[in-house]
């Protein structure tokens, strides 16, 4: 599976943060660059979101893709807007998809296909 698609190094997905009786749209961006392995999640994330690194790595590995720890990449997953506190584990899917698209393991959907 891995390596079959072109490597782009960047991807963006969307998620939502519950706020009161509504929700705020959150942009999830993945940036993969050459360098020593480092995997960080930035953007005013709480402990559950920071712990997503381990959950995402395990899910990717068990899905048959090359996990982040086996790649010699600097991985930054960014959640924005920066002033909104991101809480909970519901970001895991958006983070994993952004990573897999940036790594070239999945093709992104265009807005026309949604």
PDB file of N, CA and C in Angstrom:
ATOM      1  N   UNK A   1       0.814  -1.192   0.000  1.00  0.00           N
ATOM      2  CA  UNK A   1       0.000   0.000   0.000  1.00  0.00           C
ATOM      3  C   UNK A   1       0.861   1.261   0.000  1.00  0.00           C
ATOM      4  N   UNK A   2       1.769   1.360   0.963  1.00  0.00           N
ATOM      5  CA  UNK A   2       2.584   2.562   1.080  1.00  0.00           C
ATOM      6  C   UNK A   2       3.497   2.697  -0.126  1.00  0.00           C
ATOM      7  N   UNK A   3       3.682   3.923  -0.574  1.00  0.00           N
ATOM      8  CA  UNK A   3       4.582   4.179  -1.680  1.00  0.00           C
ATOM      9  C   UNK A   3       3.930   4.083  -3.045  1.00  0.00           C
ATOM     10  N   UNK A   4       2.665   3.650  -3.114  1.00  0.00           N
ATOM     11  CA  UNK A   4       1.997   3.488  -4.398  1.00  0.00           C
ATOM     12  C   UNK A   4       1.558   4.828  -4.980  1.00  0.00           C
ATOM     13  N   UNK A   5       1.361   5.806  -4.133  1.00  0.00           N
ATOM     14  CA  UNK A   5       0.876   7.107  -4.570  1.00  0.00           C
ATOM     15  C   UNK A   5       1.990   8.141  -4.435  1.00  0.00           C
ATOM     16  N   UNK A   6       1.908   9.236  -5.191  1.00  0.00           N
ATOM     17  CA  UNK A   6       2.950  10.255  -5.092  1.00  0.00           C
ATOM     18  C   UNK A   6       2.992  10.878  -3.703  1.00  0.00           C
ATOM     19  N   UNK A   7       4.182  11.215  -3.251  1.00  0.00           N
ATOM     20  CA  UNK A   7       4.365  11.826  -1.933  1.00  0.00           C
ATOM     21  C   UNK A   7       4.239  13.344  -2.063  1.00  0.00           C
ATOM     22  N   UNK A   8       3.329  13.913  -1.332  1.00  0.00           N
ATOM     23  CA  UNK A   8       3.128  15.359  -1.387  1.00  0.00           C
ATOM     24  C   UNK A   8       3.673  16.066  -0.152  1.00  0.00           C
ATOM     25  N   UNK A   9       3.556  15.458   1.022  1.00  0.00           N
ATOM     26  CA  UNK A   9       4.080  16.054   2.231  1.00  0.00           C
ATOM     27  C   UNK A   9       3.137  16.987   2.954  1.00  0.00           C
ATOM     28  N   UNK A  10       1.976  17.308   2.379  1.00  0.00           N
ATOM     29  CA  UNK A  10       1.024  18.216   3.027  1.00  0.00           C
ATOM     30  C   UNK A  10      -0.397  17.756   2.736  1.00  0.00           C
ATOM     31  N   UNK A  11      -1.250  17.874   3.744  1.00  0.00           N
ATOM     32  CA  UNK A  11      -2.671  17.585   3.550  1.00  0.00           C
ATOM     33  C   UNK A  11      -3.486  18.352   4.582  1.00  0.00           C
ATOM     34  N   UNK A  12      -4.751  18.573   4.241  1.00  0.00           N
ATOM     35  CA  UNK A  12      -5.659  19.285   5.140  1.00  0.00           C
ATOM     36  C   UNK A  12      -6.989  18.543   5.177  1.00  0.00           C
ATOM     37  N   UNK A  13      -7.496  18.317   6.389  1.00  0.00           N
ATOM     38  CA  UNK A  13      -8.820  17.746   6.588  1.00  0.00           C
ATOM     39  C   UNK A  13      -9.568  18.656   7.558  1.00  0.00           C
ATOM     40  N   UNK A  14     -10.812  18.332   7.811  1.00  0.00           N
ATOM     41  CA  UNK A  14     -11.623  19.135   8.727  1.00  0.00           C
ATOM     42  C   UNK A  14     -12.211  18.267   9.825  1.00  0.00           C
ATOM     43  N   UNK A  15     -12.437  18.888  10.975  1.00  0.00           N
ATOM     44  CA  UNK A  15     -13.091  18.245  12.110  1.00  0.00           C
ATOM     45  C   UNK A  15     -13.940  19.313  12.788  1.00  0.00           C
ATOM     46  N   UNK A  16     -14.621  18.946  13.855  1.00  0.00           N
ATOM     47  CA  UNK A  16     -15.444  19.914  14.584  1.00  0.00           C
ATOM     48  C   UNK A  16     -15.203  19.773  16.080  1.00  0.00           C
ATOM     49  N   UNK A  17     -15.215  20.905  16.774  1.00  0.00           N
ATOM     50  CA  UNK A  17     -15.096  20.931  18.229  1.00  0.00           C
ATOM     51  C   UNK A  17     -16.440  21.360  18.801  1.00  0.00           C
ATOM     52  N   UNK A  18     -17.089  20.488  19.593  1.00  0.00           N
ATOM     53  CA  UNK A  18     -18.346  20.892  20.221  1.00  0.00           C
ATOM     54  C   UNK A  18     -18.142  22.127  21.105  1.00  0.00           C
ATOM     55  N   UNK A  19     -19.022  23.100  20.939  1.00  0.00           N
ATOM     56  CA  UNK A  19     -18.995  24.320  21.742  1.00  0.00           C
ATOM     57  C   UNK A  19     -20.434  24.636  22.119  1.00  0.00           C
ATOM     58  N   UNK A  20     -20.775  24.461  23.392  1.00  0.00           N
ATOM     59  CA  UNK A  20     -22.152  24.679  23.820  1.00  0.00           C
ATOM     60  C   UNK A  20     -23.083  23.738  23.085  1.00  0.00           C
ATOM     61  N   UNK A  21     -24.138  24.297  22.488  1.00  0.00           N
ATOM     62  CA  UNK A  21     -25.084  23.466  21.735  1.00  0.00           C
ATOM     63  C   UNK A  21     -24.722  23.390  20.251  1.00  0.00           C
ATOM     64  N   UNK A  22     -23.589  23.977  19.874  1.00  0.00           N
ATOM     65  CA  UNK A  22     -23.154  23.962  18.476  1.00  0.00           C
ATOM     66  C   UNK A  22     -21.767  23.365  18.338  1.00  0.00           C
ATOM     67  N   UNK A  23     -21.094  23.750  17.282  1.00  0.00           N
ATOM     68  CA  UNK A  23     -19.742  23.253  17.029  1.00  0.00           C
ATOM     69  C   UNK A  23     -18.957  24.278  16.226  1.00  0.00           C
ATOM     70  N   UNK A  24     -17.658  24.269  16.426  1.00  0.00           N
ATOM     71  CA  UNK A  24     -16.736  25.119  15.662  1.00  0.00           C
ATOM     72  C   UNK A  24     -15.961  24.230  14.698  1.00  0.00           C
ATOM     73  N   UNK A  25     -15.814  24.676  13.456  1.00  0.00           N
ATOM     74  CA  UNK A  25     -15.037  23.946  12.466  1.00  0.00           C
ATOM     75  C   UNK A  25     -13.549  24.081  12.786  1.00  0.00           C
ATOM     76  N   UNK A  26     -12.832  22.962  12.740  1.00  0.00           N
ATOM     77  CA  UNK A  26     -11.401  22.942  13.031  1.00  0.00           C
ATOM     78  C   UNK A  26     -10.658  22.397  11.815  1.00  0.00           C
ATOM     79  N   UNK A  27      -9.651  23.115  11.390  1.00  0.00           N
ATOM     80  CA  UNK A  27      -8.800  22.693  10.281  1.00  0.00           C
ATOM     81  C   UNK A  27      -7.675  21.818  10.834  1.00  0.00           C
ATOM     82  N   UNK A  28      -7.476  20.657  10.224  1.00  0.00           N
ATOM     83  CA  UNK A  28      -6.428  19.722  10.634  1.00  0.00           C
ATOM     84  C   UNK A  28      -5.438  19.622   9.478  1.00  0.00           C
ATOM     85  N   UNK A  29      -4.211  20.081   9.697  1.00  0.00           N
ATOM     86  CA  UNK A  29      -3.198  20.065   8.647  1.00  0.00           C
ATOM     87  C   UNK A  29      -2.043  19.153   9.041  1.00  0.00           C
ATOM     88  N   UNK A  30      -1.549  18.398   8.075  1.00  0.00           N
ATOM     89  CA  UNK A  30      -0.387  17.533   8.286  1.00  0.00           C
ATOM     90  C   UNK A  30       0.740  18.010   7.388  1.00  0.00           C
ATOM     91  N   UNK A  31       1.922  18.149   7.965  1.00  0.00           N
ATOM     92  CA  UNK A  31       3.108  18.551   7.213  1.00  0.00           C
ATOM     93  C   UNK A  31       4.215  17.543   7.500  1.00  0.00           C
ATOM     94  N   UNK A  32       4.683  16.859   6.466  1.00  0.00           N
ATOM     95  CA  UNK A  32       5.755  15.873   6.587  1.00  0.00           C
ATOM     96  C   UNK A  32       6.967  16.393   5.833  1.00  0.00           C
ATOM     97  N   UNK A  33       8.091  16.498   6.533  1.00  0.00           N
ATOM     98  CA  UNK A  33       9.322  16.963   5.911  1.00  0.00           C
ATOM     99  C   UNK A  33      10.459  16.010   6.262  1.00  0.00           C
ATOM    100  N   UNK A  34      11.541  16.076   5.482  1.00  0.00           N
ATOM    101  CA  UNK A  34      12.717  15.263   5.771  1.00  0.00           C
ATOM    102  C   UNK A  34      13.323  15.682   7.093  1.00  0.00           C
ATOM    103  N   UNK A  35      13.927  14.720   7.764  1.00  0.00           N
ATOM    104  CA  UNK A  35      14.615  15.030   9.006  1.00  0.00           C
ATOM    105  C   UNK A  35      14.481  13.901  10.003  1.00  0.00           C
ATOM    106  N   UNK A  36      15.068  14.101  11.165  1.00  0.00           N
ATOM    107  CA  UNK A  36      14.961  13.110  12.221  1.00  0.00           C
ATOM    108  C   UNK A  36      13.507  12.963  12.632  1.00  0.00           C
ATOM    109  N   UNK A  37      13.131  11.736  12.962  1.00  0.00           N
ATOM    110  CA  UNK A  37      11.737  11.485  13.312  1.00  0.00           C
ATOM    111  C   UNK A  37      11.310  12.337  14.508  1.00  0.00           C
ATOM    112  N   UNK A  38      10.233  13.039  14.320  1.00  0.00           N
ATOM    113  CA  UNK A  38       9.586  13.804  15.380  1.00  0.00           C
ATOM    114  C   UNK A  38       8.117  13.877  15.009  1.00  0.00           C
ATOM    115  N   UNK A  39       7.240  13.669  15.955  1.00  0.00           N
ATOM    116  CA  UNK A  39       5.796  13.639  15.704  1.00  0.00           C
ATOM    117  C   UNK A  39       5.150  14.564  16.725  1.00  0.00           C
ATOM    118  N   UNK A  40       4.660  15.717  16.275  1.00  0.00           N
ATOM    119  CA  UNK A  40       4.055  16.661  17.210  1.00  0.00           C
ATOM    120  C   UNK A  40       2.669  17.079  16.749  1.00  0.00           C
ATOM    121  N   UNK A  41       1.830  17.379  17.744  1.00  0.00           N
ATOM    122  CA  UNK A  41       0.485  17.904  17.507  1.00  0.00           C
ATOM    123  C   UNK A  41       0.455  19.285  18.143  1.00  0.00           C
ATOM    124  N   UNK A  42       0.129  20.311  17.349  1.00  0.00           N
ATOM    125  CA  UNK A  42       0.130  21.684  17.850  1.00  0.00           C
ATOM    126  C   UNK A  42      -1.233  22.335  17.625  1.00  0.00           C
ATOM    127  N   UNK A  43      -1.520  23.361  18.433  1.00  0.00           N
ATOM    128  CA  UNK A  43      -2.747  24.122  18.236  1.00  0.00           C
ATOM    129  C   UNK A  43      -3.690  24.111  19.422  1.00  0.00           C
ATOM    130  N   UNK A  44      -3.176  24.368  20.626  1.00  0.00           N
ATOM    131  CA  UNK A  44      -3.981  24.453  21.844  1.00  0.00           C
ATOM    132  C   UNK A  44      -4.770  23.166  22.094  1.00  0.00           C
ATOM    133  N   UNK A  45      -4.061  22.044  22.005  1.00  0.00           N
ATOM    134  CA  UNK A  45      -4.689  20.735  22.189  1.00  0.00           C
ATOM    135  C   UNK A  45      -4.596  20.293  23.648  1.00  0.00           C
ATOM    136  N   UNK A  46      -5.654  19.614  24.132  1.00  0.00           N
ATOM    137  CA  UNK A  46      -5.618  19.087  25.493  1.00  0.00           C
ATOM    138  C   UNK A  46      -4.879  17.748  25.509  1.00  0.00           C
ATOM    139  N   UNK A  47      -4.799  17.135  26.681  1.00  0.00           N
ATOM    140  CA  UNK A  47      -4.042  15.887  26.847  1.00  0.00           C
ATOM    141  C   UNK A  47      -4.556  14.775  25.933  1.00  0.00           C
ATOM    142  N   UNK A  48      -5.869  14.641  25.782  1.00  0.00           N
ATOM    143  CA  UNK A  48      -6.436  13.582  24.933  1.00  0.00           C
ATOM    144  C   UNK A  48      -6.000  13.747  23.481  1.00  0.00           C
ATOM    145  N   UNK A  49      -5.925  14.981  23.002  1.00  0.00           N
ATOM    146  CA  UNK A  49      -5.506  15.223  21.619  1.00  0.00           C
ATOM    147  C   UNK A  49      -4.011  14.944  21.478  1.00  0.00           C
ATOM    148  N   UNK A  50      -3.206  15.356  22.462  1.00  0.00           N
ATOM    149  CA  UNK A  50      -1.771  15.080  22.417  1.00  0.00           C
ATOM    150  C   UNK A  50      -1.500  13.580  22.420  1.00  0.00           C
ATOM    151  N   UNK A  51      -2.314  12.810  23.147  1.00  0.00           N
ATOM    152  CA  UNK A  51      -2.149  11.356  23.203  1.00  0.00           C
ATOM    153  C   UNK A  51      -2.573  10.686  21.901  1.00  0.00           C
ATOM    154  N   UNK A  52      -3.186  11.431  21.001  1.00  0.00           N
ATOM    155  CA  UNK A  52      -3.619  10.881  19.712  1.00  0.00           C
ATOM    156  C   UNK A  52      -2.439  10.340  18.914  1.00  0.00           C
ATOM    157  N   UNK A  53      -1.244  10.859  19.145  1.00  0.00           N
ATOM    158  CA  UNK A  53      -0.065  10.362  18.418  1.00  0.00           C
ATOM    159  C   UNK A  53       0.053   8.849  18.535  1.00  0.00           C
ATOM    160  N   UNK A  54      -0.081   8.335  19.748  1.00  0.00           N
ATOM    161  CA  UNK A  54       0.053   6.891  19.956  1.00  0.00           C
ATOM    162  C   UNK A  54      -1.124   6.126  19.368  1.00  0.00           C
ATOM    163  N   UNK A  55      -2.333   6.643  19.534  1.00  0.00           N
ATOM    164  CA  UNK A  55      -3.511   5.962  18.977  1.00  0.00           C
ATOM    165  C   UNK A  55      -3.455   5.939  17.454  1.00  0.00           C
ATOM    166  N   UNK A  56      -3.062   7.051  16.850  1.00  0.00           N
ATOM    167  CA  UNK A  56      -2.976   7.142  15.390  1.00  0.00           C
ATOM    168  C   UNK A  56      -1.894   6.204  14.858  1.00  0.00           C
ATOM    169  N   UNK A  57      -0.729   6.208  15.494  1.00  0.00           N
ATOM    170  CA  UNK A  57       0.358   5.330  15.054  1.00  0.00           C
ATOM    171  C   UNK A  57      -0.070   3.869  15.090  1.00  0.00           C
ATOM    172  N   UNK A  58      -0.735   3.455  16.170  1.00  0.00           N
ATOM    173  CA  UNK A  58      -1.191   2.066  16.291  1.00  0.00           C
ATOM    174  C   UNK A  58      -2.237   1.740  15.230  1.00  0.00           C
ATOM    175  N   UNK A  59      -3.189   2.634  15.020  1.00  0.00           N
ATOM    176  CA  UNK A  59      -4.246   2.394  14.030  1.00  0.00           C
ATOM    177  C   UNK A  59      -3.668   2.300  12.619  1.00  0.00           C
ATOM    178  N   UNK A  60      -2.722   3.162  12.296  1.00  0.00           N
ATOM    179  CA  UNK A  60      -2.099   3.141  10.971  1.00  0.00           C
ATOM    180  C   UNK A  60      -1.329   1.833  10.775  1.00  0.00           C
ATOM    181  N   UNK A  61      -0.565   1.436  11.774  1.00  0.00           N
ATOM    182  CA  UNK A  61       0.210   0.195  11.687  1.00  0.00           C
ATOM    183  C   UNK A  61      -0.712  -1.013  11.512  1.00  0.00           C
ATOM    184  N   UNK A  62      -1.794  -1.085  12.282  1.00  0.00           N
ATOM    185  CA  UNK A  62      -2.711  -2.226  12.214  1.00  0.00           C
ATOM    186  C   UNK A  62      -3.593  -2.199  10.971  1.00  0.00           C
ATOM    187  N   UNK A  63      -3.597  -1.094  10.251  1.00  0.00           N
ATOM    188  CA  UNK A  63      -4.339  -1.003   8.989  1.00  0.00           C
ATOM    189  C   UNK A  63      -3.470  -1.383   7.790  1.00  0.00           C
ATOM    190  N   UNK A  64      -2.218  -1.715   8.051  1.00  0.00           N
ATOM    191  CA  UNK A  64      -1.338  -2.169   6.982  1.00  0.00           C
ATOM    192  C   UNK A  64      -0.477  -1.095   6.345  1.00  0.00           C
ATOM    193  N   UNK A  65      -0.518   0.117   6.863  1.00  0.00           N
ATOM    194  CA  UNK A  65       0.316   1.197   6.339  1.00  0.00           C
ATOM    195  C   UNK A  65       1.594   1.299   7.161  1.00  0.00           C
ATOM    196  N   UNK A  66       2.587   1.960   6.595  1.00  0.00           N
ATOM    197  CA  UNK A  66       3.843   2.172   7.308  1.00  0.00           C
ATOM    198  C   UNK A  66       3.611   3.218   8.399  1.00  0.00           C
ATOM    199  N   UNK A  67       3.836   2.854   9.673  1.00  0.00           N
ATOM    200  CA  UNK A  67       3.555   3.799  10.761  1.00  0.00           C
ATOM    201  C   UNK A  67       4.544   4.962  10.792  1.00  0.00           C
ATOM    202  N   UNK A  68       4.123   6.073  11.391  1.00  0.00           N
ATOM    203  CA  UNK A  68       4.979   7.261  11.449  1.00  0.00           C
ATOM    204  C   UNK A  68       6.357   6.998  12.046  1.00  0.00           C
ATOM    205  N   UNK A  69       6.446   6.141  13.057  1.00  0.00           N
ATOM    206  CA  UNK A  69       7.731   5.910  13.718  1.00  0.00           C
ATOM    207  C   UNK A  69       8.736   5.198  12.819  1.00  0.00           C
ATOM    208  N   UNK A  70       8.277   4.548  11.751  1.00  0.00           N
ATOM    209  CA  UNK A  70       9.189   3.865  10.833  1.00  0.00           C
ATOM    210  C   UNK A  70       9.645   4.769   9.690  1.00  0.00           C
ATOM    211  N   UNK A  71       9.139   5.972   9.650  1.00  0.00           N
ATOM    212  CA  UNK A  71       9.525   6.889   8.580  1.00  0.00           C
ATOM    213  C   UNK A  71      10.496   7.922   9.133  1.00  0.00           C
ATOM    214  N   UNK A  72      11.493   8.243   8.360  1.00  0.00           N
ATOM    215  CA  UNK A  72      12.467   9.243   8.770  1.00  0.00           C
ATOM    216  C   UNK A  72      11.936  10.621   8.382  1.00  0.00           C
ATOM    217  N   UNK A  73      10.863  11.026   9.063  1.00  0.00           N
ATOM    218  CA  UNK A  73      10.185  12.283   8.736  1.00  0.00           C
ATOM    219  C   UNK A  73       9.927  13.093  10.000  1.00  0.00           C
ATOM    220  N   UNK A  74       9.897  14.378   9.812  1.00  0.00           N
ATOM    221  CA  UNK A  74       9.433  15.296  10.851  1.00  0.00           C
ATOM    222  C   UNK A  74       7.960  15.518  10.553  1.00  0.00           C
ATOM    223  N   UNK A  75       7.092  15.145  11.488  1.00  0.00           N
ATOM    224  CA  UNK A  75       5.650  15.187  11.280  1.00  0.00           C
ATOM    225  C   UNK A  75       5.042  16.227  12.215  1.00  0.00           C
ATOM    226  N   UNK A  76       4.350  17.196  11.637  1.00  0.00           N
ATOM    227  CA  UNK A  76       3.645  18.197  12.434  1.00  0.00           C
ATOM    228  C   UNK A  76       2.179  18.145  12.037  1.00  0.00           C
ATOM    229  N   UNK A  77       1.326  17.865  13.014  1.00  0.00           N
ATOM    230  CA  UNK A  77      -0.118  17.912  12.818  1.00  0.00           C
ATOM    231  C   UNK A  77      -0.610  19.161  13.533  1.00  0.00           C
ATOM    232  N   UNK A  78      -1.243  20.043  12.783  1.00  0.00           N
ATOM    233  CA  UNK A  78      -1.649  21.343  13.309  1.00  0.00           C
ATOM    234  C   UNK A  78      -3.166  21.475  13.305  1.00  0.00           C
ATOM    235  N   UNK A  79      -3.707  21.946  14.431  1.00  0.00           N
ATOM    236  CA  UNK A  79      -5.143  22.176  14.569  1.00  0.00           C
ATOM    237  C   UNK A  79      -5.384  23.675  14.676  1.00  0.00           C
ATOM    238  N   UNK A  80      -6.284  24.213  13.865  1.00  0.00           N
ATOM    239  CA  UNK A  80      -6.577  25.643  13.943  1.00  0.00           C
ATOM    240  C   UNK A  80      -8.076  25.883  13.783  1.00  0.00           C
ATOM    241  N   UNK A  81      -8.615  26.921  14.350  1.00  0.00           N
ATOM    242  CA  UNK A  81      -7.961  28.144  14.808  1.00  0.00           C
ATOM    243  C   UNK A  81      -7.208  27.931  16.127  1.00  0.00           C
ATOM    244  N   UNK A  82      -6.132  28.679  16.275  1.00  0.00           N
ATOM    245  CA  UNK A  82      -5.244  28.518  17.419  1.00  0.00           C
ATOM    246  C   UNK A  82      -5.888  28.925  18.738  1.00  0.00           C
ATOM    247  N   UNK A  83      -6.854  29.825  18.708  1.00  0.00           N
ATOM    248  CA  UNK A  83      -7.439  30.317  19.960  1.00  0.00           C
ATOM    249  C   UNK A  83      -8.561  29.429  20.504  1.00  0.00           C
ATOM    250  N   UNK A  84      -8.935  28.379  19.802  1.00  0.00           N
ATOM    251  CA  UNK A  84      -9.995  27.471  20.243  1.00  0.00           C
ATOM    252  C   UNK A  84      -9.373  26.256  20.918  1.00  0.00           C
ATOM    253  N   UNK A  85      -9.739  25.985  22.167  1.00  0.00           N
ATOM    254  CA  UNK A  85      -9.236  24.819  22.893  1.00  0.00           C
ATOM    255  C   UNK A  85      -9.804  23.557  22.256  1.00  0.00           C
ATOM    256  N   UNK A  86      -8.901  22.631  21.855  1.00  0.00           N
ATOM    257  CA  UNK A  86      -9.328  21.377  21.236  1.00  0.00           C
ATOM    258  C   UNK A  86      -9.311  20.296  22.299  1.00  0.00           C
ATOM    259  N   UNK A  87     -10.475  19.690  22.559  1.00  0.00           N
ATOM    260  CA  UNK A  87     -10.608  18.695  23.614  1.00  0.00           C
ATOM    261  C   UNK A  87     -11.239  17.425  23.071  1.00  0.00           C
ATOM    262  N   UNK A  88     -10.766  16.272  23.557  1.00  0.00           N
ATOM    263  CA  UNK A  88     -11.383  14.997  23.223  1.00  0.00           C
ATOM    264  C   UNK A  88     -10.619  14.201  22.186  1.00  0.00           C
ATOM    265  N   UNK A  89     -11.064  12.949  22.027  1.00  0.00           N
ATOM    266  CA  UNK A  89     -10.389  12.038  21.101  1.00  0.00           C
ATOM    267  C   UNK A  89     -11.071  11.984  19.737  1.00  0.00           C
ATOM    268  N   UNK A  90     -12.087  12.806  19.521  1.00  0.00           N
ATOM    269  CA  UNK A  90     -12.809  12.762  18.244  1.00  0.00           C
ATOM    270  C   UNK A  90     -12.003  13.337  17.072  1.00  0.00           C
ATOM    271  N   UNK A  91     -10.816  13.855  17.317  1.00  0.00           N
ATOM    272  CA  UNK A  91      -9.949  14.348  16.240  1.00  0.00           C
ATOM    273  C   UNK A  91      -9.122  13.237  15.605  1.00  0.00           C
ATOM    274  N   UNK A  92      -9.108  12.062  16.205  1.00  0.00           N
ATOM    275  CA  UNK A  92      -8.223  10.984  15.749  1.00  0.00           C
ATOM    276  C   UNK A  92      -8.379  10.665  14.267  1.00  0.00           C
ATOM    277  N   UNK A  93      -9.604  10.524  13.787  1.00  0.00           N
ATOM    278  CA  UNK A  93      -9.817  10.167  12.382  1.00  0.00           C
ATOM    279  C   UNK A  93      -9.300  11.261  11.449  1.00  0.00           C
ATOM    280  N   UNK A  94      -9.622  12.518  11.732  1.00  0.00           N
ATOM    281  CA  UNK A  94      -9.157  13.624  10.886  1.00  0.00           C
ATOM    282  C   UNK A  94      -7.632  13.719  10.900  1.00  0.00           C
ATOM    283  N   UNK A  95      -7.013  13.505  12.063  1.00  0.00           N
ATOM    284  CA  UNK A  95      -5.552  13.529  12.161  1.00  0.00           C
ATOM    285  C   UNK A  95      -4.934  12.383  11.360  1.00  0.00           C
ATOM    286  N   UNK A  96      -5.494  11.181  11.500  1.00  0.00           N
ATOM    287  CA  UNK A  96      -4.965  10.014  10.780  1.00  0.00           C
ATOM    288  C   UNK A  96      -5.112  10.183   9.270  1.00  0.00           C
ATOM    289  N   UNK A  97      -6.267  10.667   8.830  1.00  0.00           N
ATOM    290  CA  UNK A  97      -6.478  10.868   7.392  1.00  0.00           C
ATOM    291  C   UNK A  97      -5.529  11.925   6.838  1.00  0.00           C
ATOM    292  N   UNK A  98      -5.351  13.020   7.565  1.00  0.00           N
ATOM    293  CA  UNK A  98      -4.423  14.060   7.111  1.00  0.00           C
ATOM    294  C   UNK A  98      -3.014  13.489   6.984  1.00  0.00           C
ATOM    295  N   UNK A  99      -2.603  12.694   7.972  1.00  0.00           N
ATOM    296  CA  UNK A  99      -1.272  12.078   7.911  1.00  0.00           C
ATOM    297  C   UNK A  99      -1.152  11.153   6.700  1.00  0.00           C
ATOM    298  N   UNK A 100      -2.129  10.252   6.508  1.00  0.00           N
ATOM    299  CA  UNK A 100      -2.060   9.277   5.411  1.00  0.00           C
ATOM    300  C   UNK A 100      -2.079   9.948   4.037  1.00  0.00           C
ATOM    301  N   UNK A 101      -2.834  11.029   3.898  1.00  0.00           N
ATOM    302  CA  UNK A 101      -2.859  11.762   2.628  1.00  0.00           C
ATOM    303  C   UNK A 101      -1.513  12.455   2.401  1.00  0.00           C
ATOM    304  N   UNK A 102      -0.984  13.111   3.445  1.00  0.00           N
ATOM    305  CA  UNK A 102       0.314  13.787   3.316  1.00  0.00           C
ATOM    306  C   UNK A 102       1.436  12.795   3.025  1.00  0.00           C
ATOM    307  N   UNK A 103       1.330  11.587   3.569  1.00  0.00           N
ATOM    308  CA  UNK A 103       2.350  10.556   3.340  1.00  0.00           C
ATOM    309  C   UNK A 103       2.223   9.932   1.954  1.00  0.00           C
ATOM    310  N   UNK A 104       1.114  10.215   1.259  1.00  0.00           N
ATOM    311  CA  UNK A 104       0.912   9.658  -0.068  1.00  0.00           C
ATOM    312  C   UNK A 104       0.269   8.286  -0.060  1.00  0.00           C
ATOM    313  N   UNK A 105      -0.228   7.848   1.093  1.00  0.00           N
ATOM    314  CA  UNK A 105      -0.858   6.530   1.200  1.00  0.00           C
ATOM    315  C   UNK A 105      -2.323   6.537   0.780  1.00  0.00           C
ATOM    316  N   UNK A 106      -2.974   7.681   0.834  1.00  0.00           N
ATOM    317  CA  UNK A 106      -4.367   7.827   0.412  1.00  0.00           C
ATOM    318  C   UNK A 106      -4.484   9.017  -0.525  1.00  0.00           C
ATOM    319  N   UNK A 107      -5.421   8.931  -1.459  1.00  0.00           N
ATOM    320  CA  UNK A 107      -5.716  10.069  -2.327  1.00  0.00           C
ATOM    321  C   UNK A 107      -6.753  10.955  -1.650  1.00  0.00           C
ATOM    322  N   UNK A 108      -6.571  12.272  -1.695  1.00  0.00           N
ATOM    323  CA  UNK A 108      -7.579  13.162  -1.117  1.00  0.00           C
ATOM    324  C   UNK A 108      -8.810  13.229  -2.010  1.00  0.00           C
ATOM    325  N   UNK A 109      -9.965  13.454  -1.396  1.00  0.00           N
ATOM    326  CA  UNK A 109     -11.185  13.700  -2.163  1.00  0.00           C
ATOM    327  C   UNK A 109     -11.221  15.168  -2.526  1.00  0.00           C
ATOM    328  N   UNK A 110     -11.652  15.473  -3.720  1.00  0.00           N
ATOM    329  CA  UNK A 110     -11.815  16.877  -4.084  1.00  0.00           C
ATOM    330  C   UNK A 110     -13.155  17.350  -3.532  1.00  0.00           C
ATOM    331  N   UNK A 111     -13.316  18.636  -3.382  1.00  0.00           N
ATOM    332  CA  UNK A 111     -14.571  19.178  -2.860  1.00  0.00           C
ATOM    333  C   UNK A 111     -15.740  18.848  -3.772  1.00  0.00           C
ATOM    334  N   UNK A 112     -15.478  18.639  -5.051  1.00  0.00           N
ATOM    335  CA  UNK A 112     -16.550  18.315  -5.994  1.00  0.00           C
ATOM    336  C   UNK A 112     -17.134  16.932  -5.737  1.00  0.00           C
ATOM    337  N   UNK A 113     -16.360  16.028  -5.126  1.00  0.00           N
ATOM    338  CA  UNK A 113     -16.848  14.668  -4.890  1.00  0.00           C
ATOM    339  C   UNK A 113     -17.556  14.524  -3.556  1.00  0.00           C
ATOM    340  N   UNK A 114     -17.560  15.560  -2.739  1.00  0.00           N
ATOM    341  CA  UNK A 114     -18.217  15.485  -1.425  1.00  0.00           C
ATOM    342  C   UNK A 114     -19.699  15.735  -1.525  1.00  0.00           C
TER     343      UNK A 114
END
